[in-house]
Amino acid sequence: MNQSLLLFSVGPVQSFIAQARKTQDLYAGSYILSHLCRTGAQKLLDEAESEIVFPDIKNKFVPNRFIAIVDEPVTNSRVIGKKLEECIRLEFKKIADEALNKLGLEKPQGFDEQVTKQLSIQWVILPFEEKDYQKSYKKLESLLGAIKNTRSFEQLEETGRKCSICGERNVKFYRKTREESKNEKNVYKKLFSKNVCILEYNEFKNVELKHLQPGEGLCGVCFTKRVAEKYFTEGFEKDFPSTAKIALLDALDELKKDGVNIPQRIGEQAIFDLKSGRKPAEDLTDEEKENAKKIYGALKEKNISFSPYYAVLLFDGDNMGEKVSGPDLKNGVSLKNYHKALTRKLGEFADQVTRNIIVEPRGHTVYAGGEDFLGFINLNYLFKIMKDLREEFGRIDLSEYADEEFTFSAGVAIAHIKTPLSEVLKWARKMEKEAKEINGGEKDAFGIAVLKRSGEINKAVFKWKVGEKWVTDIISNIYNSLRSGKFSNKFIKNLNIEFLKLVDDSGLFNDKKIVELEIKRLLNRSCMLLGDDEKKELITKLAEDLFEMFLASGNVGNFLSVLNIADFMAREVKQVCL
């Protein structure tokens, strides 16, 4: 056999991306992994006669793996696979080294060891014939899974203060606090091993505050992510919006529409500090503080409300492993051609997401690979975007090749801008997992959690649709009705009080007729409208929606949670875009 089939994977994915203190860390981790995988695929094309079947490396976002056909026997292809692995490791080291050089920093001892031991690269290669593509691909997937399950790793032994972000590796870069800079005895040095690059509190010549905060200590890997902008010249977002800016996007957009000039550099967090009567953080520049005061003044003058809450949204295509490796193909269709078509369609979907769906002021994309997505969403547009994404994904049409329906399950975490980003990401992934497990694994659902500043958490999981109605539309209609003053939230409070007393140990309440009548009765009592005809029509419609959602909720607790989330949204969202 003169051809080989190669499956190549670059990781770790979850830890490398999710270990983030700032939105910029999260974005940089995702971007670097995408870049490394693209680098490996391009190296293969340069080294040998080959064809990348999946994905399309020209897409803006590339997943952490690729499959390729190599016009070489396995013995030669193994050599090529080793070259690809070496190329990717050298590229990551190059990113780290060049960033340090541009910042004018000396490399601390142990830095190279942290960087070189970070990546987990696995690849499998098998002899290949065109007619055996499907069989070979399934075997590759099985072998790669077995390799990953062995969890082989290079041990890194370190003692000393650990990184502020990952908490795994020793600190290699640290900026003193103001107090530490004044302390002539340098007590802070006792906290570290000897090999640390230490910056003074006010040393901003090359290493800006956005790269390293006072009192923040980063390992070589996390610092590389933080300063990756020094290496990438094109395509990399050097100023990824903070969670505070995401929360403010709708309010800033209103100011723009009113003709207010929005400065490029704003301390968005300071706007919320000013609203709460606190002084802006000292680590902001004078320009950022001054611009924040101007914007806050304009928002106050024009009576534009804004919320300190935002949302993280992520999704993963349902059963994509089966759709890729074992679809029920139509007669005469090859898996290879199906893979190529799937690659093209997912690329088109990802392009549609970044060009037309997730655009400011709606939110900002971290990663859109086609079958999965991660992004930050302004609360004002959350349910509209959720619906738009699910509808667009469902339009993927590969009926020429196989009768596959494309759905995804999403996880959403709504959180205060002060909530640690790692905690918000954890909850978004938790809700995605719960969505995929709905009704014993039916999937095609979403899970949403609200992490209130008080510590209270409301969470709910629903299928995307109740009959022909989108659940996201029903939730929007509930908090629109509350926000507009057509209803008070007393019906939600009373439902919580009454229904929780009636449920059994499993959270179920089987007398559906009582539920239906009680929903309508409480809506009637809390309706603020005076006109009988309009009032009756509104109550009837909302009662029908609520009862349908109750039937689809699975249990009373889930139903009440979604009502509490709607009540929360009514207080935090100033207007709803449907």
Protein backbone atom coordinates (compact mmCIF):
# COMPACT_ATOMS: atom_id res chain seq x y z
CA MET A 1 0.00 0.00 0.00
CA ASN A 2 1.39 3.37 -1.02
CA GLN A 3 -1.01 5.57 0.95
CA SER A 4 -1.61 6.19 4.65
CA LEU A 5 -4.43 7.67 6.67
CA LEU A 6 -3.31 10.02 9.47
CA LEU A 7 -5.32 11.27 12.45
CA PHE A 8 -3.47 13.98 14.38
CA SER A 9 -4.51 15.65 17.66
CA VAL A 10 -3.04 18.59 19.62
CA GLY A 11 -3.91 19.14 23.27
CA PRO A 12 -4.64 19.54 26.08
CA VAL A 13 -7.83 21.36 25.10
CA GLN A 14 -9.95 21.95 28.20
CA SER A 15 -7.19 22.86 30.63
CA PHE A 16 -5.22 24.96 28.17
CA ILE A 17 -8.24 27.06 27.19
CA ALA A 18 -10.31 27.10 30.38
CA GLN A 19 -7.42 28.01 32.71
CA ALA A 20 -8.10 31.71 32.37
CA ARG A 21 -8.34 34.70 34.66
CA LYS A 22 -9.26 37.15 31.91
CA THR A 23 -11.26 36.89 28.71
CA GLN A 24 -7.98 37.58 26.88
CA ASP A 25 -6.45 34.43 28.46
CA LEU A 26 -9.41 32.36 27.30
CA TYR A 27 -9.25 33.73 23.77
CA ALA A 28 -5.47 33.39 23.53
CA GLY A 29 -5.54 29.75 24.65
CA SER A 30 -8.16 28.93 22.03
CA TYR A 31 -6.35 30.87 19.32
CA ILE A 32 -2.95 29.27 20.04
CA LEU A 33 -4.35 25.73 19.87
CA SER A 34 -6.07 26.53 16.59
CA HIS A 35 -2.85 28.05 15.26
CA LEU A 36 -0.75 25.05 16.30
CA CYS A 37 -3.09 22.58 14.62
CA ARG A 38 -3.12 24.69 11.45
CA THR A 39 0.69 24.85 11.57
CA GLY A 40 0.90 21.05 11.76
CA ALA A 41 -1.53 20.55 8.89
CA GLN A 42 0.33 23.05 6.73
CA LYS A 43 3.63 21.35 7.55
CA LEU A 44 2.17 18.07 6.30
CA LEU A 45 1.11 19.68 3.02
CA ASP A 46 4.62 21.11 2.64
CA GLU A 47 6.42 17.88 3.53
CA ALA A 48 4.53 15.31 1.48
CA GLU A 49 1.93 14.78 -1.22
CA SER A 50 -1.12 14.81 0.98
CA GLU A 51 -4.73 15.90 1.34
CA ILE A 52 -6.37 17.34 4.46
CA VAL A 53 -9.81 15.76 4.55
CA PHE A 54 -11.05 17.36 7.75
CA PRO A 55 -11.16 20.27 8.62
CA ASP A 56 -10.62 23.08 6.12
CA ILE A 57 -7.48 24.78 7.48
CA LYS A 58 -8.43 27.98 5.65
CA ASN A 59 -11.28 28.53 8.09
CA LYS A 60 -10.82 31.26 10.70
CA PHE A 61 -11.09 28.73 13.54
CA VAL A 62 -9.58 25.24 13.30
CA PRO A 63 -10.30 22.39 15.75
CA ASN A 64 -7.46 20.72 17.60
CA ARG A 65 -7.29 17.74 15.24
CA PHE A 66 -7.13 16.90 11.56
CA ILE A 67 -7.38 13.83 9.34
CA ALA A 68 -5.31 13.52 6.20
CA ILE A 69 -4.47 11.15 3.39
CA VAL A 70 -0.71 10.89 2.83
CA ASP A 71 0.69 9.55 -0.45
CA GLU A 72 3.37 7.61 1.37
CA PRO A 73 3.51 4.12 2.86
CA VAL A 74 3.17 3.85 6.65
CA THR A 75 6.92 3.46 7.22
CA ASN A 76 7.59 6.84 5.62
CA SER A 77 4.49 8.46 7.09
CA ARG A 78 5.66 7.66 10.62
CA VAL A 79 8.72 9.80 9.98
CA ILE A 80 6.43 12.57 8.71
CA GLY A 81 4.23 12.27 11.82
CA LYS A 82 7.25 12.76 14.06
CA LYS A 83 8.25 15.80 12.02
CA LEU A 84 4.77 17.29 12.49
CA GLU A 85 4.95 16.75 16.25
CA GLU A 86 8.39 18.36 16.41
CA CYS A 87 7.20 21.27 14.24
CA ILE A 88 4.26 22.01 16.56
CA ARG A 89 6.36 21.85 19.72
CA LEU A 90 8.95 24.17 18.17
CA GLU A 91 6.21 26.58 17.09
CA PHE A 92 4.85 26.84 20.62
CA LYS A 93 8.35 27.44 21.95
CA LYS A 94 8.86 30.06 19.23
CA ILE A 95 5.69 31.89 20.35
CA ALA A 96 6.99 31.95 23.93
CA ASP A 97 10.55 32.98 23.04
CA GLU A 98 9.63 35.72 20.60
CA ALA A 99 7.08 37.23 23.00
CA LEU A 100 9.77 37.44 25.71
CA ASN A 101 12.27 38.99 23.29
CA LYS A 102 9.82 41.69 22.21
CA LEU A 103 9.06 42.47 25.85
CA GLY A 104 12.77 42.71 26.60
CA LEU A 105 12.58 40.10 29.36
CA GLU A 106 15.23 37.60 30.30
CA LYS A 107 14.12 34.00 30.27
CA PRO A 108 13.84 32.65 33.85
CA GLN A 109 15.40 29.28 34.59
CA GLY A 110 12.83 26.53 34.18
CA PHE A 111 10.77 28.53 31.66
CA ASP A 112 11.70 26.30 28.71
CA GLU A 113 10.89 23.17 30.68
CA GLN A 114 7.39 24.43 31.49
CA VAL A 115 6.72 25.35 27.86
CA THR A 116 8.11 22.21 26.24
CA LYS A 117 6.19 19.89 28.58
CA GLN A 118 2.86 21.63 28.11
CA LEU A 119 1.58 20.13 24.87
CA SER A 120 0.01 16.70 24.62
CA ILE A 121 0.24 15.51 21.01
CA GLN A 122 -1.14 12.19 19.78
CA TRP A 123 -1.31 10.81 16.28
CA VAL A 124 -2.17 7.51 14.63
CA ILE A 125 -1.38 6.34 11.12
CA LEU A 126 -2.60 3.30 9.21
CA PRO A 127 -2.21 1.82 5.72
CA PHE A 128 -4.99 3.11 3.49
CA GLU A 129 -6.91 2.26 0.37
CA GLU A 130 -9.70 4.45 -1.01
CA LYS A 131 -12.27 1.68 -0.74
CA ASP A 132 -11.40 1.11 2.94
CA TYR A 133 -11.62 4.75 4.04
CA GLN A 134 -14.57 4.24 6.40
CA LYS A 135 -13.09 1.12 8.01
CA SER A 136 -9.68 2.76 8.42
CA TYR A 137 -11.15 5.93 9.87
CA LYS A 138 -13.12 4.04 12.54
CA LYS A 139 -9.99 2.11 13.50
CA LEU A 140 -8.00 5.35 13.74
CA GLU A 141 -10.60 6.85 16.08
CA SER A 142 -10.51 3.76 18.27
CA LEU A 143 -6.72 3.73 18.46
CA LEU A 144 -6.47 7.45 19.21
CA GLY A 145 -9.04 7.04 21.99
CA ALA A 146 -7.01 4.21 23.48
CA ILE A 147 -3.85 6.33 23.38
CA LYS A 148 -5.58 9.24 25.13
CA ASN A 149 -6.95 6.93 27.79
CA THR A 150 -3.43 5.94 28.80
CA ARG A 151 -2.93 9.57 29.91
CA SER A 152 0.81 9.54 29.33
CA PHE A 153 2.56 12.73 30.47
CA GLU A 154 5.94 14.16 31.26
CA GLN A 155 6.38 14.82 34.95
CA LEU A 156 7.36 18.34 35.98
CA GLU A 157 8.71 18.50 39.53
CA GLU A 158 8.61 21.99 41.06
CA THR A 159 8.41 23.46 44.54
CA GLY A 160 7.44 27.05 45.18
CA ARG A 161 4.59 29.50 44.73
CA LYS A 162 2.14 28.39 42.04
CA CYS A 163 0.72 30.31 39.10
CA SER A 164 -2.24 32.61 39.77
CA ILE A 165 -4.13 31.12 36.80
CA CYS A 166 -3.44 27.40 36.47
CA GLY A 167 -2.29 26.70 40.03
CA GLU A 168 -0.13 23.88 38.66
CA ARG A 169 3.25 25.29 37.65
CA ASN A 170 5.67 27.55 39.51
CA VAL A 171 5.53 31.31 39.04
CA LYS A 172 8.10 32.61 36.56
CA PHE A 173 6.88 36.22 36.24
CA TYR A 174 5.68 38.44 39.07
CA ARG A 175 4.82 42.13 39.49
CA LYS A 176 5.20 43.63 42.95
CA THR A 177 2.32 45.32 44.69
CA ARG A 178 2.75 48.93 45.81
CA GLU A 179 3.48 47.81 49.37
CA GLU A 180 6.07 45.30 48.22
CA SER A 181 7.83 47.95 46.13
CA LYS A 182 8.15 50.13 49.24
CA ASN A 183 9.42 47.26 51.39
CA GLU A 184 13.20 47.49 51.42
CA LYS A 185 13.54 44.10 53.06
CA ASN A 186 11.93 42.42 50.03
CA VAL A 187 9.87 40.07 52.15
CA TYR A 188 7.98 38.99 49.02
CA LYS A 189 11.06 37.05 47.80
CA LYS A 190 10.41 34.40 50.44
CA LEU A 191 7.28 33.43 48.54
CA PHE A 192 9.21 32.36 45.45
CA SER A 193 11.88 30.06 44.23
CA LYS A 194 14.97 31.95 43.05
CA ASN A 195 14.26 31.76 39.33
CA VAL A 196 11.53 34.38 38.90
CA CYS A 197 11.44 37.49 36.71
CA ILE A 198 10.23 40.18 39.12
CA LEU A 199 8.89 43.53 37.89
CA GLU A 200 8.45 46.66 39.96
CA TYR A 201 4.98 47.96 40.73
CA ASN A 202 5.27 50.89 38.30
CA GLU A 203 7.48 49.23 35.67
CA PHE A 204 5.33 49.54 32.54
CA LYS A 205 7.88 50.13 29.78
CA ASN A 206 7.19 46.90 27.92
CA VAL A 207 5.10 44.73 30.22
CA GLU A 208 1.78 46.55 30.51
CA LEU A 209 -0.76 46.08 33.27
CA LYS A 210 -2.94 44.03 30.92
CA HIS A 211 -0.03 41.58 30.69
CA LEU A 212 0.67 41.35 34.43
CA GLN A 213 -1.24 42.87 37.33
CA PRO A 214 0.34 43.94 40.66
CA GLY A 215 0.52 40.90 42.93
CA GLU A 216 -0.06 38.52 40.01
CA GLY A 217 2.36 35.66 39.41
CA LEU A 218 2.24 33.62 36.20
CA CYS A 219 3.99 30.47 35.02
CA GLY A 220 5.72 30.28 31.65
CA VAL A 221 2.71 28.76 29.88
CA CYS A 222 0.08 31.17 31.24
CA PHE A 223 2.37 34.16 30.68
CA THR A 224 2.86 33.03 27.07
CA LYS A 225 -0.90 33.05 26.57
CA ARG A 226 -1.16 36.49 28.20
CA VAL A 227 1.49 38.05 25.93
CA ALA A 228 0.74 36.05 22.74
CA GLU A 229 -0.15 39.31 20.98
CA LYS A 230 3.58 40.03 20.79
CA TYR A 231 4.03 37.07 18.45
CA PHE A 232 0.93 37.17 16.26
CA THR A 233 0.79 40.04 13.80
CA GLU A 234 -2.44 39.28 11.88
CA GLY A 235 -5.79 37.79 12.86
CA PHE A 236 -5.16 37.89 16.61
CA GLU A 237 -7.40 40.16 18.71
CA LYS A 238 -4.99 42.09 20.90
CA ASP A 239 -7.75 43.75 22.90
CA PHE A 240 -10.37 41.08 23.46
CA PRO A 241 -13.28 42.70 25.35
CA SER A 242 -13.44 42.21 29.10
CA THR A 243 -16.52 40.82 30.83
CA ALA A 244 -17.31 44.39 31.93
CA LYS A 245 -17.27 45.55 28.32
CA ILE A 246 -19.48 42.62 27.24
CA ALA A 247 -22.00 43.65 29.91
CA LEU A 248 -21.88 47.25 28.63
CA LEU A 249 -22.12 46.57 24.89
CA ASP A 250 -25.82 47.38 24.57
CA ALA A 251 -25.52 50.58 26.64
CA LEU A 252 -22.48 51.77 24.66
CA ASP A 253 -24.37 51.05 21.44
CA GLU A 254 -27.20 53.30 22.61
CA LEU A 255 -24.72 56.08 23.32
CA LYS A 256 -23.30 55.72 19.81
CA LYS A 257 -26.79 55.98 18.33
CA ASP A 258 -27.24 59.18 20.35
CA GLY A 259 -24.09 60.61 18.76
CA VAL A 260 -21.77 60.16 21.73
CA ASN A 261 -18.16 59.46 20.80
CA ILE A 262 -16.91 56.26 22.48
CA PRO A 263 -13.15 56.38 23.28
CA GLN A 264 -11.06 53.40 22.28
CA ARG A 265 -9.55 52.83 25.72
CA ILE A 266 -12.06 52.76 28.55
CA GLY A 267 -11.79 51.24 31.99
CA GLU A 268 -15.17 49.54 31.69
CA GLN A 269 -14.89 48.09 35.18
CA ALA A 270 -14.52 51.63 36.49
CA ILE A 271 -17.96 52.52 35.08
CA PHE A 272 -19.53 49.91 37.36
CA ASP A 273 -17.36 51.09 40.26
CA LEU A 274 -18.62 54.64 39.76
CA LYS A 275 -22.20 53.39 39.63
CA SER A 276 -21.67 51.62 42.97
CA GLY A 277 -20.02 54.66 44.54
CA ARG A 278 -16.56 53.06 44.62
CA LYS A 279 -13.30 54.54 43.44
CA PRO A 280 -11.95 53.15 40.15
CA ALA A 281 -9.17 50.58 40.54
CA GLU A 282 -5.68 52.03 40.90
CA ASP A 283 -4.23 49.79 38.19
CA LEU A 284 -6.12 51.69 35.47
CA THR A 285 -4.32 54.38 33.51
CA ASP A 286 -5.33 58.01 33.95
CA GLU A 287 -6.75 57.97 30.41
CA GLU A 288 -8.93 54.93 31.16
CA LYS A 289 -10.22 56.48 34.40
CA GLU A 290 -11.04 59.79 32.70
CA ASN A 291 -12.82 58.08 29.80
CA ALA A 292 -14.79 55.91 32.25
CA LYS A 293 -16.00 59.05 34.06
CA LYS A 294 -17.11 60.61 30.77
CA ILE A 295 -19.01 57.51 29.64
CA TYR A 296 -20.63 57.04 33.04
CA GLY A 297 -21.72 60.67 32.99
CA ALA A 298 -23.23 60.26 29.53
CA LEU A 299 -25.10 57.09 30.55
CA LYS A 300 -26.45 58.83 33.62
CA GLU A 301 -27.44 61.96 31.71
CA LYS A 302 -29.32 59.99 29.05
CA ASN A 303 -30.88 57.66 31.64
CA ILE A 304 -29.50 54.52 29.99
CA SER A 305 -29.58 51.56 32.35
CA PHE A 306 -26.90 48.86 32.28
CA SER A 307 -26.45 45.56 34.05
CA PRO A 308 -23.30 44.10 35.65
CA TYR A 309 -24.32 40.65 34.37
CA TYR A 310 -23.28 38.93 31.15
CA ALA A 311 -23.50 35.41 29.71
CA VAL A 312 -21.08 32.73 28.59
CA LEU A 313 -22.57 30.51 25.90
CA LEU A 314 -21.05 27.31 24.60
CA PHE A 315 -22.41 24.46 22.56
CA ASP A 316 -21.34 21.17 21.05
CA GLY A 317 -22.98 19.39 18.13
CA ASP A 318 -25.05 16.37 19.18
CA ASN A 319 -23.67 12.95 18.28
CA MET A 320 -20.99 14.48 16.06
CA GLY A 321 -18.72 11.49 16.65
CA GLU A 322 -21.33 9.20 15.10
CA LYS A 323 -22.06 11.69 12.33
CA VAL A 324 -18.37 11.80 11.43
CA SER A 325 -17.35 8.17 11.83
CA GLY A 326 -20.46 6.13 11.17
CA PRO A 327 -23.24 7.97 9.33
CA ASP A 328 -25.84 6.00 7.38
CA LEU A 329 -24.60 7.00 3.94
CA LYS A 330 -26.74 6.80 0.84
CA ASN A 331 -25.89 4.35 -1.93
CA GLY A 332 -22.83 5.34 -3.91
CA VAL A 333 -21.65 7.94 -1.35
CA SER A 334 -18.16 7.58 0.11
CA LEU A 335 -17.31 8.61 3.67
CA LYS A 336 -14.39 10.65 2.33
CA ASN A 337 -16.68 12.80 0.16
CA TYR A 338 -19.12 13.09 3.05
CA HIS A 339 -16.30 14.31 5.30
CA LYS A 340 -15.33 16.94 2.74
CA ALA A 341 -18.93 18.13 2.45
CA LEU A 342 -19.30 18.19 6.23
CA THR A 343 -16.12 20.23 6.54
CA ARG A 344 -17.44 22.75 4.03
CA LYS A 345 -20.86 23.06 5.67
CA LEU A 346 -19.45 23.47 9.18
CA GLY A 347 -17.08 26.13 7.86
CA GLU A 348 -20.00 27.98 6.27
CA PHE A 349 -21.92 27.81 9.55
CA ALA A 350 -18.94 29.13 11.55
CA ASP A 351 -18.53 31.96 9.06
CA GLN A 352 -22.22 32.86 9.37
CA VAL A 353 -21.90 32.91 13.17
CA THR A 354 -18.94 35.30 13.24
CA ARG A 355 -20.15 37.54 10.41
CA ASN A 356 -23.87 37.88 11.12
CA ILE A 357 -24.95 36.37 14.44
CA ILE A 358 -22.31 37.10 17.09
CA VAL A 359 -21.47 40.68 16.25
CA GLU A 360 -21.23 43.66 18.57
CA PRO A 361 -23.25 44.80 20.45
CA ARG A 362 -24.66 41.27 20.71
CA GLY A 363 -21.48 39.68 21.98
CA HIS A 364 -18.05 38.41 21.03
CA THR A 365 -16.82 35.03 19.79
CA VAL A 366 -13.95 33.19 21.45
CA TYR A 367 -14.10 30.16 19.17
CA ALA A 368 -16.46 29.02 16.41
CA GLY A 369 -15.22 25.77 14.91
CA GLY A 370 -18.47 24.76 13.26
CA GLU A 371 -19.51 21.85 15.44
CA ASP A 372 -18.70 23.73 18.67
CA PHE A 373 -18.76 27.30 19.89
CA LEU A 374 -17.67 29.42 22.84
CA GLY A 375 -18.52 33.07 23.23
CA PHE A 376 -19.53 35.95 25.50
CA ILE A 377 -23.03 37.35 25.07
CA ASN A 378 -24.54 40.64 26.18
CA LEU A 379 -27.54 39.81 28.36
CA ASN A 380 -29.87 41.96 26.28
CA TYR A 381 -29.46 39.62 23.27
CA LEU A 382 -29.00 36.23 24.94
CA PHE A 383 -32.19 34.38 24.03
CA LYS A 384 -32.32 35.87 20.54
CA ILE A 385 -28.78 34.63 19.87
CA MET A 386 -29.48 31.19 21.35
CA LYS A 387 -32.40 30.75 18.99
CA ASP A 388 -30.52 32.15 15.97
CA LEU A 389 -27.59 29.79 16.54
CA ARG A 390 -29.80 26.72 16.94
CA GLU A 391 -31.88 27.59 13.86
CA GLU A 392 -28.79 28.21 11.73
CA PHE A 393 -27.14 24.95 12.85
CA GLY A 394 -30.32 23.06 11.99
CA ARG A 395 -30.10 24.40 8.43
CA ILE A 396 -26.95 22.38 7.72
CA ASP A 397 -28.06 20.19 4.84
CA LEU A 398 -26.15 17.07 3.83
CA SER A 399 -29.17 15.18 2.50
CA GLU A 400 -27.27 14.50 -0.71
CA TYR A 401 -24.98 12.23 1.30
CA ALA A 402 -26.94 11.03 4.34
CA ASP A 403 -30.21 11.62 6.18
CA GLU A 404 -28.63 13.38 9.14
CA GLU A 405 -30.34 16.03 11.26
CA PHE A 406 -27.97 18.52 12.88
CA THR A 407 -28.74 19.65 16.42
CA PHE A 408 -26.67 20.89 19.32
CA SER A 409 -26.91 21.12 23.08
CA ALA A 410 -25.87 24.35 24.74
CA GLY A 411 -24.74 25.46 28.17
CA VAL A 412 -25.27 29.01 29.39
CA ALA A 413 -23.96 30.67 32.53
CA ILE A 414 -25.17 34.15 33.45
CA ALA A 415 -22.84 35.77 35.95
CA HIS A 416 -21.80 39.03 37.58
CA ILE A 417 -18.64 40.61 36.15
CA LYS A 418 -16.94 40.09 39.54
CA THR A 419 -17.50 36.33 39.50
CA PRO A 420 -14.24 34.46 38.72
CA LEU A 421 -14.19 33.56 35.04
CA SER A 422 -13.09 29.99 35.79
CA GLU A 423 -16.25 29.50 37.88
CA VAL A 424 -18.48 30.87 35.11
CA LEU A 425 -16.87 28.56 32.53
CA LYS A 426 -17.28 25.61 34.89
CA TRP A 427 -21.01 26.27 35.19
CA ALA A 428 -21.45 26.77 31.43
CA ARG A 429 -19.86 23.35 30.81
CA LYS A 430 -21.91 21.81 33.62
CA MET A 431 -25.13 23.09 32.03
CA GLU A 432 -24.07 21.84 28.61
CA LYS A 433 -23.52 18.39 30.10
CA GLU A 434 -26.94 18.45 31.80
CA ALA A 435 -28.52 19.50 28.48
CA LYS A 436 -26.96 16.50 26.72
CA GLU A 437 -28.33 14.19 29.44
CA ILE A 438 -31.91 15.47 29.30
CA ASN A 439 -34.56 12.73 29.19
CA GLY A 440 -31.97 9.97 29.31
CA GLY A 441 -29.70 11.43 26.65
CA GLU A 442 -32.12 12.82 24.05
CA LYS A 443 -29.95 15.93 23.70
CA ASP A 444 -31.00 18.86 21.43
CA ALA A 445 -31.51 20.97 24.54
CA PHE A 446 -30.04 23.84 26.53
CA GLY A 447 -29.15 24.30 30.17
CA ILE A 448 -28.97 27.72 31.77
CA ALA A 449 -27.67 28.80 35.16
CA VAL A 450 -27.82 32.20 36.83
CA LEU A 451 -24.99 32.79 39.30
CA LYS A 452 -26.24 35.66 41.40
CA ARG A 453 -23.85 37.93 43.24
CA SER A 454 -25.52 36.86 46.49
CA GLY A 455 -24.39 33.27 45.89
CA GLU A 456 -27.85 31.98 44.96
CA ILE A 457 -27.95 29.82 41.83
CA ASN A 458 -30.98 29.15 39.63
CA LYS A 459 -30.64 26.55 36.89
CA ALA A 460 -32.98 24.96 34.39
CA VAL A 461 -32.71 22.51 31.48
CA PHE A 462 -35.14 22.37 28.56
CA LYS A 463 -35.48 20.99 25.08
CA TRP A 464 -35.26 23.78 22.52
CA LYS A 465 -38.92 23.51 21.59
CA VAL A 466 -42.24 22.86 23.29
CA GLY A 467 -44.38 21.64 20.44
CA GLU A 468 -43.77 24.21 17.72
CA LYS A 469 -42.82 26.99 20.15
CA TRP A 470 -39.25 27.94 21.01
CA VAL A 471 -38.73 27.83 24.77
CA THR A 472 -36.38 30.83 24.43
CA ASP A 473 -39.31 32.82 22.99
CA ILE A 474 -41.55 31.80 25.88
CA ILE A 475 -38.95 32.88 28.45
CA SER A 476 -38.50 36.18 26.59
CA ASN A 477 -42.26 36.74 26.56
CA ILE A 478 -42.44 36.13 30.32
CA TYR A 479 -39.80 38.69 31.23
CA ASN A 480 -41.07 41.12 28.59
CA SER A 481 -44.43 40.99 30.30
CA LEU A 482 -42.79 41.57 33.68
CA ARG A 483 -40.50 44.30 32.41
CA SER A 484 -43.26 46.20 30.65
CA GLY A 485 -45.38 46.20 33.82
CA LYS A 486 -48.18 44.12 32.31
CA PHE A 487 -47.68 41.59 35.10
CA SER A 488 -46.14 41.77 38.55
CA ASN A 489 -43.80 38.99 39.60
CA LYS A 490 -46.19 37.94 42.37
CA PHE A 491 -47.47 35.04 40.30
CA ILE A 492 -43.93 33.61 40.18
CA LYS A 493 -43.43 34.05 43.92
CA ASN A 494 -46.80 32.46 44.69
CA LEU A 495 -46.16 29.54 42.35
CA ASN A 496 -42.88 28.91 44.18
CA ILE A 497 -44.65 28.93 47.54
CA GLU A 498 -47.60 26.76 46.49
CA PHE A 499 -46.06 24.18 44.15
CA LEU A 500 -43.05 23.29 46.27
CA LYS A 501 -45.45 22.23 49.03
CA LEU A 502 -47.31 19.90 46.71
CA VAL A 503 -44.51 17.97 45.00
CA ASP A 504 -43.46 14.46 46.00
CA ASP A 505 -39.90 13.35 46.76
CA SER A 506 -39.05 13.09 43.04
CA GLY A 507 -40.10 16.67 42.40
CA LEU A 508 -43.19 15.58 40.46
CA PHE A 509 -46.72 16.81 40.83
CA ASN A 510 -49.15 14.72 38.83
CA ASP A 511 -52.40 16.69 39.00
CA LYS A 512 -51.93 18.68 35.79
CA LYS A 513 -55.40 20.20 35.86
CA ILE A 514 -54.73 21.89 39.20
CA VAL A 515 -51.46 23.28 37.81
CA GLU A 516 -53.21 24.66 34.74
CA LEU A 517 -55.98 26.32 36.75
CA GLU A 518 -53.59 27.73 39.35
CA ILE A 519 -51.29 29.25 36.73
CA LYS A 520 -54.24 31.02 35.13
CA ARG A 521 -55.65 32.16 38.51
CA LEU A 522 -52.34 33.64 39.67
CA LEU A 523 -51.72 35.31 36.31
CA ASN A 524 -55.15 36.92 36.53
CA ARG A 525 -54.35 38.28 40.00
CA SER A 526 -50.97 39.69 38.98
CA CYS A 527 -52.06 41.21 35.64
CA MET A 528 -51.78 45.00 35.76
CA LEU A 529 -53.88 45.75 32.66
CA LEU A 530 -57.29 47.39 32.97
CA GLY A 531 -58.97 46.56 29.65
CA ASP A 532 -60.93 43.30 30.01
CA ASP A 533 -60.52 42.05 26.43
CA GLU A 534 -56.78 42.75 26.22
CA LYS A 535 -56.28 41.38 29.71
CA LYS A 536 -58.14 38.15 28.97
CA GLU A 537 -56.26 37.55 25.72
CA LEU A 538 -52.87 38.19 27.30
CA ILE A 539 -53.57 35.95 30.30
CA THR A 540 -54.88 33.13 28.10
CA LYS A 541 -51.83 33.18 25.83
CA LEU A 542 -49.27 33.39 28.63
CA ALA A 543 -51.07 30.70 30.65
CA GLU A 544 -50.97 28.35 27.65
CA ASP A 545 -47.24 28.95 27.21
CA LEU A 546 -46.51 28.41 30.90
CA PHE A 547 -48.57 25.23 31.09
CA GLU A 548 -46.87 23.79 28.00
CA MET A 549 -43.52 24.61 29.53
CA PHE A 550 -44.59 22.98 32.78
CA LEU A 551 -45.51 19.77 30.90
CA ALA A 552 -42.12 19.78 29.19
CA SER A 553 -40.12 20.67 32.31
CA GLY A 554 -39.85 17.17 33.73
CA ASN A 555 -40.38 18.33 37.31
CA VAL A 556 -41.74 21.27 39.25
CA GLY A 557 -38.29 22.42 40.41
CA ASN A 558 -37.09 22.81 36.83
CA PHE A 559 -40.26 24.73 35.91
CA LEU A 560 -40.00 27.08 38.88
CA SER A 561 -36.30 27.66 38.19
CA VAL A 562 -36.96 28.87 34.66
CA LEU A 563 -39.62 31.26 36.01
CA ASN A 564 -37.14 32.58 38.57
CA ILE A 565 -34.60 33.06 35.77
CA ALA A 566 -37.20 35.01 33.77
CA ASP A 567 -37.89 37.16 36.85
CA PHE A 568 -34.16 37.82 37.22
CA MET A 569 -33.87 38.75 33.53
CA ALA A 570 -36.78 41.18 33.88
CA ARG A 571 -34.80 43.09 36.50
CA GLU A 572 -31.48 43.01 34.62
CA VAL A 573 -32.44 43.41 30.94
CA LYS A 574 -33.68 46.81 29.87
CA GLN A 575 -35.17 45.72 26.55
CA VAL A 576 -35.55 42.49 24.64
CA CYS A 577 -34.63 41.94 21.01
CA LEU A 578 -36.86 39.28 19.44
